[in-house]
C-alpha atoms as a PDB file:
ATOM      1  CA  MET A   1      -1.138  17.032  16.261  1.00  0.00           C
ATOM      2  CA  LEU A   2      -4.628  16.961  17.539  1.00  0.00           C
ATOM      3  CA  ARG A   3      -5.781  19.301  20.396  1.00  0.00           C
ATOM      4  CA  ASP A   4      -9.040  19.336  22.379  1.00  0.00           C
ATOM      5  CA  VAL A   5     -10.825  17.161  19.829  1.00  0.00           C
ATOM      6  CA  THR A   6     -13.928  15.559  21.357  1.00  0.00           C
ATOM      7  CA  LEU A   7     -16.232  13.257  19.252  1.00  0.00           C
ATOM      8  CA  SER A   8     -19.226  11.259  20.285  1.00  0.00           C
ATOM      9  CA  ILE A   9     -20.318   8.782  17.716  1.00  0.00           C
ATOM     10  CA  GLN A  10     -24.043   7.669  17.902  1.00  0.00           C
ATOM     11  CA  ARG A  11     -25.289   4.125  17.091  1.00  0.00           C
ATOM     12  CA  GLY A  12     -26.606   3.964  13.522  1.00  0.00           C
ATOM     13  CA  ALA A  13     -25.320   7.443  12.621  1.00  0.00           C
ATOM     14  CA  ILE A  14     -22.866   8.782  10.144  1.00  0.00           C
ATOM     15  CA  GLU A  15     -20.272  11.414  11.512  1.00  0.00           C
ATOM     16  CA  VAL A  16     -18.596  13.136   8.829  1.00  0.00           C
ATOM     17  CA  ILE A  17     -15.114  14.805   9.391  1.00  0.00           C
ATOM     18  CA  LEU A  18     -14.213  17.504   6.955  1.00  0.00           C
ATOM     19  CA  GLY A  19     -11.082  19.746   6.810  1.00  0.00           C
ATOM     20  CA  PRO A  20      -8.320  20.797   4.627  1.00  0.00           C
ATOM     21  CA  ASN A  21      -5.078  18.931   3.922  1.00  0.00           C
ATOM     22  CA  GLY A  22      -3.108  18.795   7.169  1.00  0.00           C
ATOM     23  CA  ALA A  23      -6.135  19.449   9.443  1.00  0.00           C
ATOM     24  CA  GLY A  24      -5.590  16.315  11.230  1.00  0.00           C
ATOM     25  CA  LYS A  25      -8.316  14.035   9.768  1.00  0.00           C
ATOM     26  CA  THR A  26      -6.185  10.908   9.078  1.00  0.00           C
ATOM     27  CA  THR A  27      -4.372  11.514  12.465  1.00  0.00           C
ATOM     28  CA  LEU A  28      -7.800  11.353  14.082  1.00  0.00           C
ATOM     29  CA  ALA A  29      -8.601   7.928  12.322  1.00  0.00           C
ATOM     30  CA  SER A  30      -5.333   6.597  13.167  1.00  0.00           C
ATOM     31  CA  ALA A  31      -5.739   7.541  16.984  1.00  0.00           C
ATOM     32  CA  LEU A  32      -9.302   6.096  17.076  1.00  0.00           C
ATOM     33  CA  LEU A  33      -7.900   2.567  16.094  1.00  0.00           C
ATOM     34  CA  GLY A  34      -4.768   3.017  18.076  1.00  0.00           C
ATOM     35  CA  LEU A  35      -2.209   3.161  15.135  1.00  0.00           C
ATOM     36  CA  ILE A  36      -0.716   6.125  16.820  1.00  0.00           C
ATOM     37  CA  PRO A  37      -0.753   6.578  20.621  1.00  0.00           C
ATOM     38  CA  ALA A  38      -2.647   9.335  22.403  1.00  0.00           C
ATOM     39  CA  ALA A  39      -0.346  11.836  24.194  1.00  0.00           C
ATOM     40  CA  SER A  40      -3.306  12.902  26.330  1.00  0.00           C
ATOM     41  CA  GLY A  41      -6.950  12.291  26.717  1.00  0.00           C
ATOM     42  CA  ARG A  42      -8.790   9.030  26.066  1.00  0.00           C
ATOM     43  CA  VAL A  43     -10.620   7.011  23.662  1.00  0.00           C
ATOM     44  CA  GLU A  44     -13.763   5.285  24.861  1.00  0.00           C
ATOM     45  CA  PHE A  45     -15.772   2.365  23.249  1.00  0.00           C
ATOM     46  CA  ALA A  46     -19.208   1.452  24.469  1.00  0.00           C
ATOM     47  CA  GLY A  47     -18.394   3.157  27.715  1.00  0.00           C
ATOM     48  CA  THR A  48     -15.087   1.380  28.196  1.00  0.00           C
ATOM     49  CA  ASP A  49     -11.644   3.133  28.089  1.00  0.00           C
ATOM     50  CA  ILE A  50      -9.640   1.543  25.332  1.00  0.00           C
ATOM     51  CA  THR A  51      -6.810   4.199  25.103  1.00  0.00           C
ATOM     52  CA  SER A  52      -3.998   1.627  26.130  1.00  0.00           C
ATOM     53  CA  LEU A  53      -5.460  -1.247  23.762  1.00  0.00           C
ATOM     54  CA  ARG A  54      -3.521  -2.271  20.663  1.00  0.00           C
ATOM     55  CA  PRO A  55      -5.099  -1.791  17.229  1.00  0.00           C
ATOM     56  CA  GLU A  56      -5.751  -5.599  16.759  1.00  0.00           C
ATOM     57  CA  GLU A  57      -7.534  -5.566  20.270  1.00  0.00           C
ATOM     58  CA  ARG A  58      -9.668  -2.573  19.211  1.00  0.00           C
ATOM     59  CA  ALA A  59     -10.513  -4.308  16.046  1.00  0.00           C
ATOM     60  CA  ARG A  60     -11.676  -7.342  17.888  1.00  0.00           C
ATOM     61  CA  LEU A  61     -14.090  -5.123  19.966  1.00  0.00           C
ATOM     62  CA  GLY A  62     -15.677  -3.980  16.732  1.00  0.00           C
ATOM     63  CA  ILE A  63     -13.788  -0.884  15.319  1.00  0.00           C
ATOM     64  CA  GLY A  64     -13.150  -1.272  11.563  1.00  0.00           C
ATOM     65  CA  LEU A  65     -10.875   0.909   9.513  1.00  0.00           C
ATOM     66  CA  VAL A  66     -10.701   1.459   5.762  1.00  0.00           C
ATOM     67  CA  GLN A  67      -7.552   3.398   5.182  1.00  0.00           C
ATOM     68  CA  GLU A  68      -6.890   5.848   2.377  1.00  0.00           C
ATOM     69  CA  GLY A  69      -5.414   4.330  -0.689  1.00  0.00           C
ATOM     70  CA  LYS A  70      -7.499   1.203  -1.334  1.00  0.00           C
ATOM     71  CA  ARG A  71      -5.300  -1.057   0.942  1.00  0.00           C
ATOM     72  CA  ILE A  72      -6.102  -4.534  -0.199  1.00  0.00           C
ATOM     73  CA  PHE A  73      -4.029  -7.678  -1.268  1.00  0.00           C
ATOM     74  CA  ARG A  74      -3.582  -7.104  -4.840  1.00  0.00           C
ATOM     75  CA  MET A  75      -2.425 -10.598  -5.750  1.00  0.00           C
ATOM     76  CA  ARG A  76      -5.235 -12.255  -4.163  1.00  0.00           C
ATOM     77  CA  THR A  77      -8.685 -12.745  -5.517  1.00  0.00           C
ATOM     78  CA  VAL A  78     -11.733 -10.884  -4.356  1.00  0.00           C
ATOM     79  CA  GLU A  79     -12.894 -13.956  -2.493  1.00  0.00           C
ATOM     80  CA  GLU A  80      -9.492 -14.379  -0.843  1.00  0.00           C
ATOM     81  CA  ASN A  81      -9.421 -10.740   0.295  1.00  0.00           C
ATOM     82  CA  LEU A  82     -12.768 -11.031   1.954  1.00  0.00           C
ATOM     83  CA  ALA A  83     -11.817 -14.432   3.607  1.00  0.00           C
ATOM     84  CA  LEU A  84      -8.761 -12.664   5.125  1.00  0.00           C
ATOM     85  CA  GLY A  85     -11.115  -9.845   6.369  1.00  0.00           C
ATOM     86  CA  GLY A  86     -13.072 -12.393   8.119  1.00  0.00           C
ATOM     87  CA  ARG A  87     -10.220 -14.720   9.118  1.00  0.00           C
ATOM     88  CA  HIS A  88     -11.313 -14.977  12.709  1.00  0.00           C
ATOM     89  CA  LEU A  89     -14.760 -16.272  11.885  1.00  0.00           C
ATOM     90  CA  GLY A  90     -15.878 -19.780  11.100  1.00  0.00           C
ATOM     91  CA  ARG A  91     -16.268 -20.938   7.558  1.00  0.00           C
ATOM     92  CA  SER A  92     -20.000 -20.554   7.290  1.00  0.00           C
ATOM     93  CA  GLN A  93     -19.893 -17.069   8.880  1.00  0.00           C
ATOM     94  CA  ARG A  94     -17.251 -16.062   6.312  1.00  0.00           C
ATOM     95  CA  GLN A  95     -19.371 -17.333   3.499  1.00  0.00           C
ATOM     96  CA  GLN A  96     -22.422 -15.497   4.841  1.00  0.00           C
ATOM     97  CA  GLY A  97     -20.332 -12.300   5.301  1.00  0.00           C
ATOM     98  CA  ALA A  98     -18.947 -12.460   1.801  1.00  0.00           C
ATOM     99  CA  GLU A  99     -22.528 -12.809   0.495  1.00  0.00           C
ATOM    100  CA  ARG A 100     -23.584  -9.741   2.385  1.00  0.00           C
ATOM    101  CA  VAL A 101     -20.653  -7.739   0.933  1.00  0.00           C
ATOM    102  CA  TYR A 102     -21.729  -8.975  -2.650  1.00  0.00           C
ATOM    103  CA  GLY A 103     -25.208  -7.888  -1.927  1.00  0.00           C
ATOM    104  CA  LEU A 104     -23.848  -4.480  -1.065  1.00  0.00           C
ATOM    105  CA  PHE A 105     -21.605  -4.370  -3.879  1.00  0.00           C
ATOM    106  CA  PRO A 106     -22.867  -6.568  -6.780  1.00  0.00           C
ATOM    107  CA  LYS A 107     -19.862  -5.757  -8.968  1.00  0.00           C
ATOM    108  CA  LEU A 108     -17.667  -7.524  -6.543  1.00  0.00           C
ATOM    109  CA  GLY A 109     -19.891 -10.537  -6.721  1.00  0.00           C
ATOM    110  CA  ASP A 110     -19.452 -10.570 -10.514  1.00  0.00           C
ATOM    111  CA  GLU A 111     -15.618 -10.461 -10.030  1.00  0.00           C
ATOM    112  CA  ARG A 112     -15.230 -12.724  -7.080  1.00  0.00           C
ATOM    113  CA  ARG A 113     -12.577 -14.936  -8.634  1.00  0.00           C
ATOM    114  CA  ARG A 114     -10.658 -12.135 -10.237  1.00  0.00           C
ATOM    115  CA  ARG A 115      -7.371 -10.992  -8.805  1.00  0.00           C
ATOM    116  CA  ALA A 116      -7.935  -7.682  -6.671  1.00  0.00           C
ATOM    117  CA  GLY A 117      -4.921  -5.878  -8.472  1.00  0.00           C
ATOM    118  CA  ASP A 118      -6.916  -6.211 -11.765  1.00  0.00           C
ATOM    119  CA  LEU A 119      -9.940  -4.378 -10.488  1.00  0.00           C
ATOM    120  CA  SER A 120     -10.920  -0.885 -11.317  1.00  0.00           C
ATOM    121  CA  GLY A 121     -10.127   1.770  -8.759  1.00  0.00           C
ATOM    122  CA  GLY A 122     -13.825   1.954  -7.690  1.00  0.00           C
ATOM    123  CA  GLN A 123     -13.999  -1.871  -7.381  1.00  0.00           C
ATOM    124  CA  GLN A 124     -10.874  -1.905  -5.229  1.00  0.00           C
ATOM    125  CA  GLN A 125     -12.398   0.722  -2.984  1.00  0.00           C
ATOM    126  CA  MET A 126     -15.505  -1.412  -2.599  1.00  0.00           C
ATOM    127  CA  LEU A 127     -13.345  -4.282  -1.730  1.00  0.00           C
ATOM    128  CA  ALA A 128     -11.479  -2.554   0.900  1.00  0.00           C
ATOM    129  CA  ILE A 129     -14.737  -1.503   2.599  1.00  0.00           C
ATOM    130  CA  GLY A 130     -15.973  -5.091   2.198  1.00  0.00           C
ATOM    131  CA  GLN A 131     -12.902  -6.458   3.607  1.00  0.00           C
ATOM    132  CA  ALA A 132     -13.424  -4.153   6.682  1.00  0.00           C
ATOM    133  CA  LEU A 133     -17.188  -5.312   6.986  1.00  0.00           C
ATOM    134  CA  MET A 134     -15.959  -9.000   7.118  1.00  0.00           C
ATOM    135  CA  GLY A 135     -14.694  -8.165  10.569  1.00  0.00           C
ATOM    136  CA  GLU A 136     -18.195  -7.576  11.702  1.00  0.00           C
ATOM    137  CA  PRO A 137     -17.554  -4.083  13.155  1.00  0.00           C
ATOM    138  CA  THR A 138     -19.996  -1.946  15.075  1.00  0.00           C
ATOM    139  CA  VAL A 139     -18.026   1.169  14.270  1.00  0.00           C
ATOM    140  CA  LEU A 140     -16.713   1.704  10.732  1.00  0.00           C
ATOM    141  CA  ILE A 141     -14.095   4.425  10.015  1.00  0.00           C
ATOM    142  CA  LEU A 142     -13.599   5.412   6.385  1.00  0.00           C
ATOM    143  CA  ASP A 143     -10.689   7.427   5.527  1.00  0.00           C
ATOM    144  CA  GLU A 144     -11.161   9.445   2.194  1.00  0.00           C
ATOM    145  CA  PRO A 145     -13.347   6.733   0.506  1.00  0.00           C
ATOM    146  CA  SER A 146     -13.888   8.836  -2.632  1.00  0.00           C
ATOM    147  CA  ALA A 147     -10.303   9.657  -3.308  1.00  0.00           C
ATOM    148  CA  GLY A 148      -9.440   9.119  -6.884  1.00  0.00           C
ATOM    149  CA  LEU A 149     -12.767   7.755  -7.962  1.00  0.00           C
ATOM    150  CA  ALA A 150     -15.020   8.860 -10.711  1.00  0.00           C
ATOM    151  CA  PRO A 151     -18.112  10.712  -9.762  1.00  0.00           C
ATOM    152  CA  VAL A 152     -20.432   7.926 -10.702  1.00  0.00           C
ATOM    153  CA  ILE A 153     -18.510   5.396  -8.641  1.00  0.00           C
ATOM    154  CA  VAL A 154     -18.449   7.899  -5.698  1.00  0.00           C
ATOM    155  CA  ASP A 155     -22.308   7.761  -5.891  1.00  0.00           C
ATOM    156  CA  ASP A 156     -22.128   4.080  -5.478  1.00  0.00           C
ATOM    157  CA  VAL A 157     -19.881   4.152  -2.607  1.00  0.00           C
ATOM    158  CA  VAL A 158     -21.912   6.984  -0.835  1.00  0.00           C
ATOM    159  CA  ASP A 159     -25.225   4.977  -1.362  1.00  0.00           C
ATOM    160  CA  ALA A 160     -23.601   1.865  -0.018  1.00  0.00           C
ATOM    161  CA  VAL A 161     -22.296   3.618   3.173  1.00  0.00           C
ATOM    162  CA  VAL A 162     -25.753   5.279   3.800  1.00  0.00           C
ATOM    163  CA  SER A 163     -27.493   1.892   3.503  1.00  0.00           C
ATOM    164  CA  LEU A 164     -25.042   0.402   6.097  1.00  0.00           C
ATOM    165  CA  LYS A 165     -26.398   2.506   9.024  1.00  0.00           C
ATOM    166  CA  SER A 166     -29.832   1.028   8.756  1.00  0.00           C
ATOM    167  CA  SER A 167     -28.203  -2.063  10.459  1.00  0.00           C
ATOM    168  CA  GLY A 168     -27.099   0.036  13.501  1.00  0.00           C
ATOM    169  CA  LEU A 169     -23.454   0.444  12.173  1.00  0.00           C
ATOM    170  CA  SER A 170     -21.953   3.697  13.336  1.00  0.00           C
ATOM    171  CA  ILE A 171     -19.885   5.194  10.721  1.00  0.00           C
ATOM    172  CA  VAL A 172     -17.132   7.895  10.633  1.00  0.00           C
ATOM    173  CA  VAL A 173     -16.364   9.189   7.080  1.00  0.00           C
ATOM    174  CA  ILE A 174     -13.355  11.439   6.538  1.00  0.00           C
ATOM    175  CA  GLU A 175     -13.855  13.317   3.441  1.00  0.00           C
ATOM    176  CA  GLN A 176     -12.699  16.308   1.072  1.00  0.00           C
ATOM    177  CA  LEU A 177     -15.765  16.356  -1.003  1.00  0.00           C
ATOM    178  CA  VAL A 178     -17.893  18.739   0.912  1.00  0.00           C
ATOM    179  CA  ASP A 179     -21.284  18.418  -0.991  1.00  0.00           C
ATOM    180  CA  ARG A 180     -21.213  14.619  -0.984  1.00  0.00           C
ATOM    181  CA  ALA A 181     -20.187  14.472   2.714  1.00  0.00           C
ATOM    182  CA  LEU A 182     -22.683  16.758   3.842  1.00  0.00           C
ATOM    183  CA  GLY A 183     -25.411  14.850   1.864  1.00  0.00           C
ATOM    184  CA  MET A 184     -24.698  11.557   3.775  1.00  0.00           C
ATOM    185  CA  ALA A 185     -24.056  13.051   7.201  1.00  0.00           C
ATOM    186  CA  ASP A 186     -26.094  12.930  10.377  1.00  0.00           C
ATOM    187  CA  HIS A 187     -23.411  15.099  12.058  1.00  0.00           C
ATOM    188  CA  VAL A 188     -20.467  16.971  10.876  1.00  0.00           C
ATOM    189  CA  THR A 189     -17.241  18.077  12.426  1.00  0.00           C
ATOM    190  CA  VAL A 190     -14.886  20.274  10.606  1.00  0.00           C
ATOM    191  CA  LEU A 191     -11.155  20.218  11.734  1.00  0.00           C
ATOM    192  CA  SER A 192      -8.593  22.992  11.200  1.00  0.00           C
ATOM    193  CA  GLY A 193      -5.017  23.061  12.550  1.00  0.00           C
ATOM    194  CA  GLY A 194      -5.698  19.949  14.520  1.00  0.00           C
ATOM    195  CA  GLN A 195      -8.688  21.611  16.389  1.00  0.00           C
ATOM    196  CA  ILE A 196     -12.432  21.414  16.023  1.00  0.00           C
ATOM    197  CA  ALA A 197     -13.485  24.689  14.062  1.00  0.00           C
ATOM    198  CA  LEU A 198     -17.222  23.753  13.476  1.00  0.00           C
ATOM    199  CA  SER A 199     -19.368  21.136  14.717  1.00  0.00           C
ATOM    200  CA  GLY A 200     -23.149  20.447  14.212  1.00  0.00           C
ATOM    201  CA  ARG A 201     -25.778  19.144  11.898  1.00  0.00           C
ATOM    202  CA  PRO A 202     -25.338  19.331   8.099  1.00  0.00           C
ATOM    203  CA  ASP A 203     -27.786  22.157   7.600  1.00  0.00           C
ATOM    204  CA  GLU A 204     -25.929  24.090  10.263  1.00  0.00           C
ATOM    205  CA  VAL A 205     -22.433  23.385   9.157  1.00  0.00           C
ATOM    206  CA  GLY A 206     -23.164  23.762   5.404  1.00  0.00           C
ATOM    207  CA  ASN A 207     -23.165  27.500   5.650  1.00  0.00           C
ATOM    208  CA  ALA A 208     -20.698  28.378   2.919  1.00  0.00           C
ATOM    209  CA  GLU A 209     -19.287  31.447   4.637  1.00  0.00           C
ATOM    210  CA  MET A 210     -18.643  29.520   7.922  1.00  0.00           C
ATOM    211  CA  LEU A 211     -17.141  26.502   6.072  1.00  0.00           C
ATOM    212  CA  VAL A 212     -14.680  28.784   4.078  1.00  0.00           C
ATOM    213  CA  GLY A 213     -13.772  30.397   7.442  1.00  0.00           C
ATOM    214  CA  ALA A 214     -13.114  27.072   8.963  1.00  0.00           C
ATOM    215  CA  TYR A 215     -11.133  25.776   6.054  1.00  0.00           C
ATOM    216  CA  PHE A 216      -8.864  28.898   6.006  1.00  0.00           C
ATOM    217  CA  GLY A 217      -8.603  29.481   9.605  1.00  0.00           C
ATOM    218  CA  THR A 218     -10.860  32.811   9.549  1.00  0.00           C
ATOM    219  CA  ALA A 219     -13.720  31.335  11.672  1.00  0.00           C
ATOM    220  CA  ARG A 220     -14.022  31.113  15.406  1.00  0.00           C
ATOM    221  CA  ARG A 221     -14.779  27.741  16.802  1.00  0.00           C
ATOM    222  CA  ALA A 222     -18.484  27.091  16.780  1.00  0.00           C
ATOM    223  CA  SER A 223     -20.808  24.159  17.618  1.00  0.00           C
ATOM    224  CA  TRP A 224     -24.487  23.603  18.092  1.00  0.00           C
END
């Protein structure tokens, strides 16, 4: 359960959400996209209250979610997965979108006709991100994008995520790898017990003592 959690995601910025298991990170992602209802409070998008909107309505407004666990269509090819991500677009737009994804993740371009279930774990994560991008979101939420990936693949994913913000895309990254997360963030929020324990710039939140306190519940709530 989340309590008194307030976030403001800036255009073209990366907001990183940190916290121990059970802190409420995935609950927050689900609440932002409407997968779980808000018992109180509200979710606003571009100044409009969208709290009552269904997930598909929020997606059409421009909120994309890459859920933890590489949720792709494993029996479909890479091309087919991307086409499904952009199913509301015209054919030429889908083709252009797919080429943008291949430019971001060249390894997917090399495997475009391969069945998704036969890809490596890193390629499947790239495909999951690419599929979300096909919806042309303005806000992209990534839930544990580095989970289960080799360090070299994590570097590729992090580089791709950082490159996306140059287009004006707002990105929310929910992570466990603190060092990697702080390295890509413009702003960081640390959750503990469903509440905000720390909030600020990476150089502020990166204080080791305060991070340990936030993770283990010994720090007071702080923000800058």
